[in-house]
Amino acid sequence: MANHYEALGLGHRQFDGSLTAQDIKQAYRKALLEHHPDKAQTGDTARSVDSITVAYKTLSEPTAKVDYDRELRLQHARNKGGDKIFHTGLDIVDLDDLDYDDKTGEWWRGCRCGQDRGFIITEDELENESRYGELVTGCKGCSLWLKVLFGVEEDGEQDIQTAS
């Protein structure tokens, strides 16, 4: 499976929770110009327009993006020796172990690599992963991983709760 983030030139941001729909749209347009046979200025048409379009359609649709991101995380985590999941530097924490920023509405935690907010989790990400009760995210500055456990309490409204 071709990496959709790389197809759009966003390979360096594939685990970036702050990637917006506008960022994806701009990357799509840029990738089309760079790789379209009629418009490419460098002659580099290594990526097909079809693969760029499929990547954009997947990453621009929120539900498809969540499913794709989850599968991508699992692919990156798989050990080459089989179906065992292996994370280099995986820490498992509860949601209440993270700091919460009222201004941005994000949970965050520093990483041991020195990145102050290496792990950033949004409420949308938690809601999208609510059926699993866990979210695996990579550090923005290195290859370390964080598995955040949480639960969803339903009292008329959905509220993200920490796991007990």
Protein backbone atom coordinates (compact mmCIF):
# COMPACT_ATOMS: atom_id res chain seq x y z
CA MET A 1 0.00 0.00 0.00
CA ALA A 2 1.47 3.34 -1.07
CA ASN A 3 1.72 5.91 1.69
CA HIS A 4 -0.83 8.64 0.99
CA TYR A 5 1.10 11.23 3.00
CA GLU A 6 4.20 10.65 0.88
CA ALA A 7 2.13 10.81 -2.31
CA LEU A 8 1.12 14.35 -1.30
CA GLY A 9 4.62 15.31 -0.13
CA LEU A 10 3.54 15.21 3.52
CA GLY A 11 5.55 12.19 4.63
CA HIS A 12 7.27 14.24 7.34
CA ARG A 13 3.85 15.17 8.81
CA GLN A 14 2.05 11.82 8.73
CA PHE A 15 1.76 11.64 12.53
CA ASP A 16 1.21 15.37 12.98
CA GLY A 17 -2.10 15.91 14.74
CA SER A 18 -2.10 19.58 13.72
CA LEU A 19 -2.32 18.81 9.99
CA THR A 20 -5.38 20.68 8.69
CA ALA A 21 -7.72 20.08 5.78
CA GLN A 22 -6.23 23.21 4.18
CA ASP A 23 -2.70 21.77 4.52
CA ILE A 24 -3.85 18.60 2.77
CA LYS A 25 -5.56 20.56 -0.01
CA GLN A 26 -2.47 22.71 -0.62
CA ALA A 27 -0.24 19.64 -0.69
CA TYR A 28 -2.62 17.97 -3.17
CA ARG A 29 -2.49 20.94 -5.54
CA LYS A 30 1.29 21.18 -5.28
CA ALA A 31 1.71 17.43 -5.89
CA LEU A 32 -0.53 17.60 -8.95
CA LEU A 33 1.51 20.43 -10.42
CA GLU A 34 4.81 18.72 -9.66
CA HIS A 35 3.83 15.33 -11.04
CA HIS A 36 1.25 15.98 -13.77
CA PRO A 37 2.71 14.93 -17.13
CA ASP A 38 1.48 18.11 -18.86
CA LYS A 39 2.46 20.56 -16.12
CA ALA A 40 5.54 19.10 -14.47
CA GLN A 41 8.40 21.57 -14.78
CA THR A 42 11.07 19.16 -13.57
CA GLY A 43 10.00 16.20 -15.67
CA ASP A 44 9.45 14.22 -12.47
CA THR A 45 6.27 12.23 -12.96
CA ALA A 46 7.24 9.39 -10.60
CA ARG A 47 3.91 9.58 -8.79
CA SER A 48 0.84 9.07 -10.87
CA VAL A 49 -1.98 11.59 -10.85
CA ASP A 50 -4.27 8.71 -9.86
CA SER A 51 -2.24 7.87 -6.74
CA ILE A 52 -2.16 11.56 -5.76
CA THR A 53 -5.93 11.82 -6.23
CA VAL A 54 -6.60 8.66 -4.19
CA ALA A 55 -4.34 10.00 -1.44
CA TYR A 56 -6.19 13.31 -1.38
CA LYS A 57 -9.63 11.68 -1.34
CA THR A 58 -8.61 9.46 1.58
CA LEU A 59 -6.92 12.15 3.67
CA SER A 60 -9.52 14.85 3.03
CA GLU A 61 -12.46 12.74 4.25
CA PRO A 62 -12.30 12.70 8.09
CA THR A 63 -13.56 9.15 8.69
CA ALA A 64 -11.39 7.66 5.96
CA LYS A 65 -8.38 9.60 7.32
CA VAL A 66 -8.91 8.25 10.85
CA ASP A 67 -9.11 4.68 9.56
CA TYR A 68 -6.09 5.21 7.30
CA ASP A 69 -4.03 6.79 10.11
CA ARG A 70 -4.86 3.92 12.44
CA GLU A 71 -3.83 1.36 9.82
CA LEU A 72 -0.65 3.32 9.07
CA ARG A 73 0.28 3.39 12.76
CA LEU A 74 -0.25 -0.36 12.99
CA GLN A 75 1.85 -0.94 9.87
CA HIS A 76 4.69 1.11 11.31
CA ALA A 77 4.44 -0.78 14.56
CA ARG A 78 4.47 -4.31 13.15
CA ASN A 79 7.57 -6.34 13.74
CA LYS A 80 9.00 -7.78 10.52
CA GLY A 81 8.97 -11.22 12.16
CA GLY A 82 5.19 -11.61 12.19
CA ASP A 83 2.03 -10.14 13.60
CA LYS A 84 3.57 -9.08 16.89
CA ILE A 85 3.29 -5.37 17.48
CA PHE A 86 6.51 -3.68 18.45
CA HIS A 87 6.97 -0.01 19.30
CA THR A 88 10.39 1.43 19.87
CA GLY A 89 10.12 3.39 23.09
CA LEU A 90 6.40 2.81 23.68
CA ASP A 91 5.05 4.34 26.88
CA ILE A 92 1.53 3.45 28.02
CA VAL A 93 -0.27 6.18 29.96
CA ASP A 94 -3.72 7.17 31.08
CA LEU A 95 -5.29 10.32 29.63
CA ASP A 96 -5.11 12.04 33.01
CA ASP A 97 -1.31 11.63 32.94
CA LEU A 98 -1.19 14.25 30.17
CA ASP A 99 -1.42 18.01 30.61
CA TYR A 100 -4.44 19.79 29.16
CA ASP A 101 -4.22 23.17 27.43
CA ASP A 102 -7.51 25.10 27.83
CA LYS A 103 -6.57 27.54 25.06
CA THR A 104 -6.00 24.93 22.35
CA GLY A 105 -8.21 22.16 23.74
CA GLU A 106 -5.35 19.69 23.41
CA TRP A 107 -3.77 17.15 25.73
CA TRP A 108 0.01 17.11 25.58
CA ARG A 109 3.10 15.58 27.08
CA GLY A 110 6.77 16.30 26.68
CA CYS A 111 9.01 13.61 25.28
CA ARG A 112 12.29 12.33 26.64
CA CYS A 113 13.94 13.45 23.37
CA GLY A 114 13.55 17.01 24.65
CA GLN A 115 10.53 18.02 22.56
CA ASP A 116 8.41 20.11 24.97
CA ARG A 117 5.11 19.06 23.40
CA GLY A 118 6.25 15.93 21.63
CA PHE A 119 2.91 14.22 22.01
CA ILE A 120 -0.21 16.25 21.22
CA ILE A 121 -3.70 14.76 21.22
CA THR A 122 -6.88 16.55 20.21
CA GLU A 123 -10.41 15.82 21.38
CA ASP A 124 -11.33 14.97 17.76
CA GLU A 125 -8.63 12.28 17.72
CA LEU A 126 -9.97 10.84 20.98
CA GLU A 127 -13.54 10.87 19.68
CA ASN A 128 -12.44 9.17 16.47
CA GLU A 129 -10.70 6.43 18.47
CA SER A 130 -13.42 6.15 21.14
CA ARG A 131 -14.53 2.73 19.90
CA TYR A 132 -11.05 1.40 20.74
CA GLY A 133 -10.46 3.15 24.06
CA GLU A 134 -6.86 3.82 23.16
CA LEU A 135 -4.87 6.07 20.90
CA VAL A 136 -1.32 5.44 19.72
CA THR A 137 0.60 8.52 18.65
CA GLY A 138 4.17 9.25 17.69
CA CYS A 139 6.40 11.99 19.04
CA LYS A 140 6.69 15.03 16.77
CA GLY A 141 10.46 15.12 17.30
CA CYS A 142 11.63 11.49 17.34
CA SER A 143 10.59 7.87 16.88
CA LEU A 144 9.10 7.32 20.35
CA TRP A 145 5.46 6.30 20.78
CA LEU A 146 2.76 6.92 23.36
CA LYS A 147 -0.31 4.75 23.90
CA VAL A 148 -3.02 6.72 25.69
CA LEU A 149 -5.80 4.76 27.36
CA PHE A 150 -9.18 6.38 27.93
CA GLY A 151 -12.87 5.58 28.17
CA VAL A 152 -16.03 7.23 26.94
CA GLU A 153 -18.82 7.97 29.36
CA GLU A 154 -22.19 8.56 27.76
CA ASP A 155 -24.67 10.69 29.72
CA GLY A 156 -26.64 12.17 26.87
CA GLU A 157 -23.42 13.73 25.60
CA GLN A 158 -20.20 11.97 24.83
CA ASP A 159 -17.42 12.91 27.23
CA ILE A 160 -13.89 11.62 27.05
CA GLN A 161 -12.91 10.10 30.38
CA THR A 162 -9.69 8.65 31.65
CA ALA A 163 -9.37 4.90 31.98
CA SER A 164 -9.40 3.47 35.47
